[in-house]
C-alpha cells in the first residue's frame, strides 16, 4: 500500500487492438465482463500544459479487487500514451490510485514533489491526472502514476464493474459503458 495514495486500484495496458485484447483476457484468462467505450468523452484534456482532443477506446474489467484497463489510442495527439508507444514500449503503461478527495490528494502529491504531466475529466467528479515518471535508480524509466477522482458517476461505474466480475460466468463478455449521467 502506498503511504501517499493507498491501494493501487487499477493497472492499465496500452494495446494495439482492444477487441483482441478483450477477447484474450476474457477467454484465456477468464477476466470479465469488459465494459467498453469506443470513444471516451474526455473534457479539458491537457498534456504538458497544452490542450488536445484525444480519441481513446477503453475497456474495464475487474480481476478481484484490481481493475484492469485496456486502452487503445485512435489518434496521434500528444500524450503520455503516445510517448510510451513511440518509445517502443508495450504492456503496462500506468497504475492508478482512486480518490474521493481529489483536490487534497493532488495538493499532497505535489507537495511531495510529484509533477502533473497530463490530465482531464470524464463526467462529473471524474478528474484525473498523470504524474511525470520518476526514474527508478539504476533501472531506467519509472512507473507512470494516475490519480483518479471517483467521487461521482465514475465511482459508481467502477463499483458496477467490480460487482459484475464477482460471479461472472463468462457470458456477455463485452458490454457497453452505461451513460455516466444516469449513474
Protein backbone atom coordinates (compact mmCIF):
# COMPACT_ATOMS: atom_id res chain seq x y z
CA UNK A 1 0.00 0.00 0.00
CA UNK A 2 1.31 3.44 -0.90
CA UNK A 3 1.79 5.78 2.03
CA UNK A 4 0.80 8.63 -0.32
CA UNK A 5 -2.25 7.23 -2.11
CA UNK A 6 -3.41 3.96 -0.51
CA UNK A 7 -4.11 0.88 -2.64
CA UNK A 8 -3.30 0.58 -6.32
CA UNK A 9 -6.79 0.20 -7.75
CA UNK A 10 -6.08 -0.11 -11.48
CA UNK A 11 -3.38 -1.40 -13.83
CA UNK A 12 -3.59 -0.07 -17.40
CA UNK A 13 -2.28 -1.75 -20.54
CA UNK A 14 -1.83 0.09 -23.84
CA UNK A 15 -2.88 -2.31 -26.58
CA UNK A 16 -2.77 -2.15 -30.39
CA UNK A 17 -6.11 -3.98 -30.81
CA UNK A 18 -8.55 -3.55 -27.93
CA UNK A 19 -11.09 -6.03 -29.29
CA UNK A 20 -8.44 -8.77 -29.49
CA UNK A 21 -7.18 -7.85 -26.03
CA UNK A 22 -10.68 -8.12 -24.51
CA UNK A 23 -11.10 -11.50 -26.19
CA UNK A 24 -7.76 -12.75 -24.82
CA UNK A 25 -8.41 -11.54 -21.29
CA UNK A 26 -11.94 -12.98 -21.21
CA UNK A 27 -11.39 -16.34 -22.96
CA UNK A 28 -7.80 -17.19 -21.94
CA UNK A 29 -7.52 -15.51 -18.54
CA UNK A 30 -11.21 -15.63 -17.56
CA UNK A 31 -11.32 -11.92 -16.64
CA UNK A 32 -14.52 -10.05 -17.34
CA UNK A 33 -17.04 -8.89 -18.17
CA UNK A 34 -15.49 -5.96 -20.03
CA UNK A 35 -17.22 -2.60 -20.12
CA UNK A 36 -16.18 -0.99 -23.39
CA UNK A 37 -16.29 2.60 -24.59
CA UNK A 38 -15.01 3.07 -28.17
CA UNK A 39 -14.56 6.84 -27.65
CA UNK A 40 -14.14 8.08 -24.11
CA UNK A 41 -15.63 11.58 -23.74
CA UNK A 42 -12.63 13.33 -22.20
CA UNK A 43 -13.05 17.02 -21.41
CA UNK A 44 -10.35 19.58 -20.67
CA UNK A 45 -7.55 17.22 -21.69
CA UNK A 46 -4.07 18.69 -21.31
CA UNK A 47 -0.62 17.32 -21.93
CA UNK A 48 2.32 19.36 -20.66
CA UNK A 49 0.04 22.39 -20.34
CA UNK A 50 -1.41 22.26 -23.87
CA UNK A 51 -4.98 21.28 -24.74
CA UNK A 52 -5.66 18.40 -27.11
CA UNK A 53 -8.60 16.27 -28.28
CA UNK A 54 -7.70 12.62 -27.75
CA UNK A 55 -9.70 9.73 -29.16
CA UNK A 56 -9.12 6.77 -26.88
CA UNK A 57 -11.00 3.49 -26.63
CA UNK A 58 -11.15 1.97 -23.15
CA UNK A 59 -12.29 -1.37 -21.73
CA UNK A 60 -12.52 -2.02 -17.99
CA UNK A 61 -12.95 -5.24 -16.01
CA UNK A 62 -12.01 -6.42 -12.55
CA UNK A 63 -9.76 -9.28 -11.53
CA UNK A 64 -10.68 -9.46 -7.85
CA UNK A 65 -10.31 -6.02 -6.30
CA UNK A 66 -7.96 -4.81 -9.05
CA UNK A 67 -9.40 -3.11 -12.11
CA UNK A 68 -7.72 -3.87 -15.43
CA UNK A 69 -7.86 -1.13 -18.07
CA UNK A 70 -7.20 -1.82 -21.72
CA UNK A 71 -6.58 1.37 -23.69
CA UNK A 72 -6.13 1.88 -27.42
CA UNK A 73 -5.26 5.31 -28.80
CA UNK A 74 -7.17 6.11 -32.01
CA UNK A 75 -5.45 9.38 -32.94
CA UNK A 76 -1.94 10.75 -32.66
CA UNK A 77 -2.38 13.69 -30.28
CA UNK A 78 0.45 14.40 -27.84
CA UNK A 79 0.04 12.36 -24.66
CA UNK A 80 1.91 10.09 -22.29
CA UNK A 81 0.30 7.20 -24.18
CA UNK A 82 1.84 8.36 -27.45
CA UNK A 83 5.23 8.83 -25.75
CA UNK A 84 5.02 5.27 -24.38
CA UNK A 85 4.21 3.78 -27.79
CA UNK A 86 6.82 5.86 -29.64
CA UNK A 87 9.44 4.63 -27.17
CA UNK A 88 8.67 1.11 -28.41
CA UNK A 89 7.16 0.07 -25.09
CA UNK A 90 4.27 -2.35 -24.68
CA UNK A 91 2.15 -3.61 -21.81
CA UNK A 92 1.55 -1.79 -18.54
CA UNK A 93 1.62 1.98 -19.06
CA UNK A 94 0.33 3.17 -15.67
CA UNK A 95 -1.11 2.28 -12.31
CA UNK A 96 -3.95 4.28 -10.81
CA UNK A 97 -4.94 5.30 -7.34
CA UNK A 98 -8.52 6.37 -6.73
CA UNK A 99 -9.66 9.23 -4.53
CA UNK A 100 -12.83 10.88 -3.34
CA UNK A 101 -10.72 13.82 -2.09
CA UNK A 102 -9.07 14.79 -5.37
CA UNK A 103 -8.01 18.35 -4.54
CA UNK A 104 -6.46 17.43 -1.18
CA UNK A 105 -4.69 14.34 -2.54
CA UNK A 106 -3.39 16.24 -5.57
CA UNK A 107 -2.05 19.04 -3.32
CA UNK A 108 -0.41 16.46 -1.04
CA UNK A 109 1.23 14.70 -4.02
CA UNK A 110 2.51 17.98 -5.43
CA UNK A 111 3.92 18.90 -2.01
CA UNK A 112 5.83 15.59 -2.13
CA UNK A 113 7.37 16.58 -5.49
CA UNK A 114 5.01 14.86 -7.93
CA UNK A 115 4.51 16.94 -11.10
CA UNK A 116 1.35 16.74 -13.22
CA UNK A 117 2.10 15.93 -16.86
CA UNK A 118 -1.35 15.06 -18.24
CA UNK A 119 -4.94 15.35 -17.09
CA UNK A 120 -8.58 15.81 -17.92
CA UNK A 121 -12.12 14.94 -16.88
CA UNK A 122 -14.57 12.16 -17.59
CA UNK A 123 -18.05 13.11 -16.42
CA UNK A 124 -18.92 14.91 -13.22
CA UNK A 125 -16.38 14.43 -10.41
CA UNK A 126 -14.22 12.39 -12.75
CA UNK A 127 -10.99 14.37 -12.90
CA UNK A 128 -7.70 12.59 -13.43
CA UNK A 129 -4.03 13.47 -13.59
CA UNK A 130 -0.92 11.56 -14.57
CA UNK A 131 2.32 12.46 -12.87
CA UNK A 132 5.66 12.71 -14.66
CA UNK A 133 7.55 9.45 -14.39
CA UNK A 134 10.11 9.22 -11.64
CA UNK A 135 13.08 7.15 -12.77
CA UNK A 136 13.86 4.01 -10.81
CA UNK A 137 17.52 4.40 -9.76
CA UNK A 138 19.65 2.18 -11.96
CA UNK A 139 16.61 0.67 -13.66
CA UNK A 140 15.57 3.18 -16.32
CA UNK A 141 12.10 4.70 -16.75
CA UNK A 142 9.78 4.81 -13.80
CA UNK A 143 6.16 3.88 -13.45
CA UNK A 144 3.51 6.36 -14.53
CA UNK A 145 1.04 7.08 -11.75
CA UNK A 146 -2.53 8.26 -12.26
CA UNK A 147 -4.63 9.90 -9.56
CA UNK A 148 -8.28 9.41 -10.48
CA UNK A 149 -11.30 11.05 -8.86
CA UNK A 150 -14.14 8.62 -8.11
CA UNK A 151 -16.49 10.80 -6.07
CA UNK A 152 -19.29 10.87 -8.66
CA UNK A 153 -20.70 8.76 -11.50
CA UNK A 154 -17.27 7.37 -12.45
CA UNK A 155 -17.02 5.87 -8.96
CA UNK A 156 -20.46 4.30 -9.38
CA UNK A 157 -19.38 2.86 -12.74
CA UNK A 158 -16.27 1.36 -11.15
CA UNK A 159 -18.42 -0.28 -8.42
CA UNK A 160 -20.77 -1.68 -11.08
CA UNK A 161 -17.79 -3.16 -12.96
CA UNK A 162 -16.33 -4.71 -9.79
CA UNK A 163 -19.70 -6.20 -8.78
CA UNK A 164 -20.31 -7.62 -12.28
CA UNK A 165 -17.00 -9.50 -12.08
CA UNK A 166 -17.74 -11.21 -8.76
CA UNK A 167 -19.85 -14.07 -10.12
CA UNK A 168 -19.26 -13.62 -13.84
CA UNK A 169 -19.96 -16.88 -15.69
CA UNK A 170 -18.28 -15.96 -18.98
CA UNK A 171 -21.46 -14.85 -20.72
CA UNK A 172 -21.85 -11.47 -22.40
CA UNK A 173 -18.09 -10.76 -22.17
CA UNK A 174 -18.17 -7.28 -23.72
CA UNK A 175 -20.75 -4.73 -22.60
CA UNK A 176 -21.16 -1.04 -23.42
CA UNK A 177 -20.37 1.61 -20.83
CA UNK A 178 -23.60 2.84 -19.27
CA UNK A 179 -24.30 6.55 -19.65
CA UNK A 180 -22.42 8.16 -16.77
CA UNK A 181 -25.06 10.87 -16.44
CA UNK A 182 -27.59 8.22 -15.38
CA UNK A 183 -25.43 6.72 -12.64
